[in-house]
């Protein structure tokens, strides 16, 4: 069938559908500047429906896989902390739109790089695949939301490259100083407090944190906290809640 026939049957604005498809499939696509009232309303409905799909289907599906995986694994204490990290993502996502997929990436990278013990392989891959799928989808979703709902209605420059997410990771162990910085991050210290406590400059602290993210593939403080716990760098009593 033609796009026009499908749109007519489902009462979808043809221009709005084509605009979303072009933006979703091609990050370098430059849309026209303005939307009419009908197009804008249909695009808003698209985002509302997509958010509802994440909340009611995709996130609960990952949660059920994760619980089943934990139930059939040896290292329950570590996986329980991963479950808490996912619950934090879920809570923040349910509160409204935003860039929360960094936490998903952290959970995925921790499970791939740092998980030990015996576990159900099929459930392991199911959880990893689900996390990766949602992380990639949210990246696209938020890119479209930014373009269409926050900036498209105004005059905007070419946003070429907005959707590019650097995925390159440099594996490697942390240095002694990076471990020192990590321990203080986990304890809730601010960058300036870390600099004072370790007698280094503020910029050096920032450099160490950047190197940690590059080596571990973990960006969020909750993710770094879980890594530090798994690695034995800190105890549960030392973690800043």
Protein backbone atom coordinates (compact mmCIF):
# COMPACT_ATOMS: atom_id res chain seq x y z
CA UNK A 1 0.00 0.00 0.00
CA UNK A 2 1.02 3.60 -0.44
CA UNK A 3 1.98 5.66 2.58
CA UNK A 4 -1.02 7.90 1.87
CA UNK A 5 -3.39 4.91 2.04
CA UNK A 6 -1.97 3.70 5.35
CA UNK A 7 -2.11 7.18 6.86
CA UNK A 8 -5.69 7.63 5.68
CA UNK A 9 -6.78 4.31 7.19
CA UNK A 10 -5.16 5.00 10.57
CA UNK A 11 -5.94 8.74 10.51
CA UNK A 12 -2.28 9.70 10.67
CA UNK A 13 -0.91 12.93 9.24
CA UNK A 14 1.19 11.86 6.25
CA UNK A 15 3.70 14.71 6.53
CA UNK A 16 4.25 14.04 10.24
CA UNK A 17 4.87 10.32 9.63
CA UNK A 18 7.36 10.95 6.81
CA UNK A 19 9.16 13.56 8.92
CA UNK A 20 9.58 11.14 11.86
CA UNK A 21 10.75 8.31 9.56
CA UNK A 22 13.32 10.52 7.82
CA UNK A 23 14.71 11.78 11.13
CA UNK A 24 14.78 8.30 12.69
CA UNK A 25 16.54 6.65 9.74
CA UNK A 26 18.94 9.45 8.87
CA UNK A 27 20.67 11.47 11.63
CA UNK A 28 21.99 13.89 9.00
CA UNK A 29 18.54 14.72 7.66
CA UNK A 30 17.72 18.43 7.94
CA UNK A 31 13.98 19.02 8.34
CA UNK A 32 12.08 22.14 7.45
CA UNK A 33 11.84 24.65 10.24
CA UNK A 34 8.15 24.84 11.17
CA UNK A 35 5.25 22.49 11.84
CA UNK A 36 1.57 23.24 11.40
CA UNK A 37 -0.80 22.61 14.31
CA UNK A 38 -2.01 19.18 13.12
CA UNK A 39 1.52 17.90 12.46
CA UNK A 40 2.78 19.12 15.82
CA UNK A 41 -0.14 17.47 17.67
CA UNK A 42 0.41 14.14 15.89
CA UNK A 43 4.12 14.19 16.64
CA UNK A 44 3.36 14.90 20.30
CA UNK A 45 0.99 11.92 20.31
CA UNK A 46 3.77 9.78 18.82
CA UNK A 47 6.13 10.66 21.68
CA UNK A 48 3.41 10.09 24.30
CA UNK A 49 2.61 6.66 22.83
CA UNK A 50 6.30 5.71 22.64
CA UNK A 51 6.90 6.73 26.26
CA UNK A 52 3.90 4.64 27.27
CA UNK A 53 5.32 1.64 25.39
CA UNK A 54 8.62 1.95 27.29
CA UNK A 55 6.85 2.26 30.65
CA UNK A 56 4.23 -0.45 30.23
CA UNK A 57 6.04 -3.05 28.10
CA UNK A 58 9.76 -2.69 27.46
CA UNK A 59 10.99 -1.68 30.94
CA UNK A 60 8.82 -4.27 32.80
CA UNK A 61 10.05 -6.92 30.33
CA UNK A 62 13.72 -6.15 31.17
CA UNK A 63 12.86 -6.09 34.87
CA UNK A 64 11.31 -9.57 34.74
CA UNK A 65 14.32 -10.97 32.82
CA UNK A 66 16.70 -9.39 35.35
CA UNK A 67 14.85 -10.86 38.34
CA UNK A 68 14.84 -14.32 36.73
CA UNK A 69 18.57 -13.97 36.00
CA UNK A 70 19.33 -13.01 39.60
CA UNK A 71 17.30 -15.94 40.93
CA UNK A 72 19.45 -18.40 38.94
CA UNK A 73 22.88 -16.85 39.63
CA UNK A 74 25.52 -17.37 42.32
CA UNK A 75 26.62 -13.78 42.92
CA UNK A 76 23.27 -12.61 44.28
CA UNK A 77 24.64 -9.69 46.34
CA UNK A 78 26.29 -8.04 43.33
CA UNK A 79 23.29 -8.66 41.09
CA UNK A 80 20.97 -7.22 43.73
CA UNK A 81 22.96 -3.99 43.45
CA UNK A 82 22.54 -4.12 39.68
CA UNK A 83 18.82 -4.52 40.29
CA UNK A 84 18.89 -1.42 42.51
CA UNK A 85 20.72 0.47 39.75
CA UNK A 86 18.04 -0.52 37.23
CA UNK A 87 15.35 0.53 39.69
CA UNK A 88 17.03 3.96 39.87
CA UNK A 89 16.89 4.21 36.07
CA UNK A 90 13.22 3.16 36.10
CA UNK A 91 12.34 5.70 38.77
CA UNK A 92 14.05 8.56 36.95
CA UNK A 93 12.57 7.56 33.59
CA UNK A 94 9.05 7.35 35.03
CA UNK A 95 9.40 10.89 36.40
CA UNK A 96 9.70 12.38 32.92
CA UNK A 97 11.75 12.52 29.69
CA UNK A 98 15.52 12.84 29.89
CA UNK A 99 18.87 11.29 29.10
CA UNK A 100 18.80 8.34 31.50
CA UNK A 101 20.25 5.73 29.14
CA UNK A 102 23.78 6.26 30.54
CA UNK A 103 22.70 4.13 33.50
CA UNK A 104 21.55 1.38 31.11
CA UNK A 105 24.97 1.47 29.45
CA UNK A 106 26.66 1.21 32.84
CA UNK A 107 24.59 -1.84 33.84
CA UNK A 108 25.34 -3.49 30.50
CA UNK A 109 29.08 -2.82 30.71
CA UNK A 110 29.29 -4.02 34.33
CA UNK A 111 27.55 -7.26 33.41
CA UNK A 112 29.79 -7.80 30.38
CA UNK A 113 33.14 -6.81 31.92
CA UNK A 114 32.89 -7.30 35.66
CA UNK A 115 30.33 -10.00 36.51
CA UNK A 116 31.74 -13.24 37.98
CA UNK A 117 30.37 -16.55 39.21
CA UNK A 118 28.01 -19.03 37.63
CA UNK A 119 24.81 -17.88 35.99
CA UNK A 120 22.18 -18.87 33.42
CA UNK A 121 23.74 -18.04 30.04
CA UNK A 122 20.45 -17.72 28.16
CA UNK A 123 19.05 -15.25 30.68
CA UNK A 124 22.37 -13.39 30.72
CA UNK A 125 22.21 -12.77 26.97
CA UNK A 126 18.50 -11.93 27.16
CA UNK A 127 19.18 -9.20 29.73
CA UNK A 128 22.20 -7.83 27.82
CA UNK A 129 20.26 -7.73 24.54
CA UNK A 130 17.26 -6.05 26.18
CA UNK A 131 19.43 -3.40 27.85
CA UNK A 132 21.29 -2.69 24.60
CA UNK A 133 18.05 -2.47 22.63
CA UNK A 134 16.43 -0.03 25.05
CA UNK A 135 19.63 2.05 25.35
CA UNK A 136 19.87 2.40 21.54
CA UNK A 137 16.17 3.13 21.19
CA UNK A 138 16.21 5.81 23.89
CA UNK A 139 19.18 7.47 22.21
CA UNK A 140 17.16 7.79 19.00
CA UNK A 141 14.00 8.72 20.86
CA UNK A 142 15.59 11.60 22.78
CA UNK A 143 17.35 12.84 19.64
CA UNK A 144 14.01 13.09 17.87
CA UNK A 145 12.37 14.69 20.88
CA UNK A 146 15.07 17.35 21.03
CA UNK A 147 14.78 18.12 17.34
CA UNK A 148 11.02 18.08 17.04
CA UNK A 149 9.62 19.25 20.35
CA UNK A 150 12.33 21.52 21.70
CA UNK A 151 13.97 23.15 18.68
CA UNK A 152 12.12 22.41 15.45
CA UNK A 153 9.41 24.98 16.12
CA UNK A 154 12.10 27.67 16.26
CA UNK A 155 14.78 28.69 13.82
CA UNK A 156 17.62 26.18 14.26
CA UNK A 157 20.95 25.50 12.56
CA UNK A 158 21.83 22.21 10.92
CA UNK A 159 22.11 19.70 13.79
CA UNK A 160 24.37 17.33 11.86
CA UNK A 161 26.00 14.82 14.12
CA UNK A 162 23.64 15.37 17.07
CA UNK A 163 22.84 11.67 17.35
CA UNK A 164 26.43 10.43 17.27
CA UNK A 165 27.24 8.59 20.46
CA UNK A 166 30.86 7.69 21.00
CA UNK A 167 30.94 4.00 21.79
CA UNK A 168 34.68 3.44 21.76
CA UNK A 169 35.96 2.12 25.04
CA UNK A 170 39.57 1.80 26.09
CA UNK A 171 39.84 -1.23 28.38
CA UNK A 172 42.46 -1.15 31.10
CA UNK A 173 42.93 -1.21 34.82
CA UNK A 174 42.72 1.93 36.90
CA UNK A 175 45.90 3.47 38.24
CA UNK A 176 46.45 3.85 41.98
CA UNK A 177 45.53 7.53 41.81
CA UNK A 178 42.39 6.81 39.77
CA UNK A 179 41.37 4.27 42.42
CA UNK A 180 41.90 6.95 45.07
CA UNK A 181 39.65 9.35 43.17
CA UNK A 182 37.04 6.63 42.61
CA UNK A 183 36.86 5.81 46.32
CA UNK A 184 36.21 9.46 47.16
CA UNK A 185 33.60 9.80 44.40
CA UNK A 186 31.76 6.81 45.86
CA UNK A 187 31.90 8.41 49.31
CA UNK A 188 30.10 11.45 47.93
CA UNK A 189 32.99 13.91 47.78
CA UNK A 190 32.78 16.83 45.36
CA UNK A 191 35.58 17.37 42.84
CA UNK A 192 37.04 20.30 44.78
CA UNK A 193 36.97 18.22 47.99
CA UNK A 194 38.76 15.36 46.22
CA UNK A 195 41.42 17.78 44.97
CA UNK A 196 42.00 19.10 48.48
CA UNK A 197 42.06 15.68 50.13
CA UNK A 198 44.52 14.21 47.59
CA UNK A 199 46.57 17.43 47.28
CA UNK A 200 46.07 17.63 43.50
CA UNK A 201 44.53 20.27 41.27
CA UNK A 202 40.86 20.48 40.38
CA UNK A 203 41.69 19.89 36.69
CA UNK A 204 43.70 16.78 37.59
CA UNK A 205 40.64 15.37 39.34
CA UNK A 206 38.58 15.98 36.20
CA UNK A 207 41.26 14.25 34.10
CA UNK A 208 41.27 11.21 36.40
CA UNK A 209 37.47 10.97 36.23
CA UNK A 210 37.55 11.21 32.45
CA UNK A 211 40.16 8.43 32.28
CA UNK A 212 38.08 6.24 34.60
CA UNK A 213 35.05 6.57 32.35
CA UNK A 214 37.16 5.78 29.29
CA UNK A 215 38.71 2.66 30.84
CA UNK A 216 35.63 1.23 32.53
CA UNK A 217 32.92 2.27 30.09
CA UNK A 218 30.92 3.47 33.13
CA UNK A 219 29.66 7.07 33.27
CA UNK A 220 27.20 7.52 36.14
CA UNK A 221 28.09 7.76 39.83
CA UNK A 222 25.73 4.84 40.68
CA UNK A 223 27.53 2.75 38.05
CA UNK A 224 30.96 3.68 39.38
CA UNK A 225 29.74 2.91 42.89
CA UNK A 226 28.67 -0.57 41.87
CA UNK A 227 32.01 -1.18 40.12
CA UNK A 228 33.92 -0.05 43.22
CA UNK A 229 31.86 -2.42 45.38
CA UNK A 230 32.33 -5.37 43.00
CA UNK A 231 36.08 -4.67 42.83
CA UNK A 232 36.40 -4.59 46.62
CA UNK A 233 37.58 -0.95 46.64
CA UNK A 234 34.86 0.05 49.07
CA UNK A 235 32.56 -1.70 51.51
CA UNK A 236 28.80 -1.24 51.64
CA UNK A 237 29.25 0.98 54.74
CA UNK A 238 31.49 3.40 52.81
CA UNK A 239 28.99 4.00 49.99
CA UNK A 240 27.27 7.38 50.01
CA UNK A 241 23.51 6.69 49.71
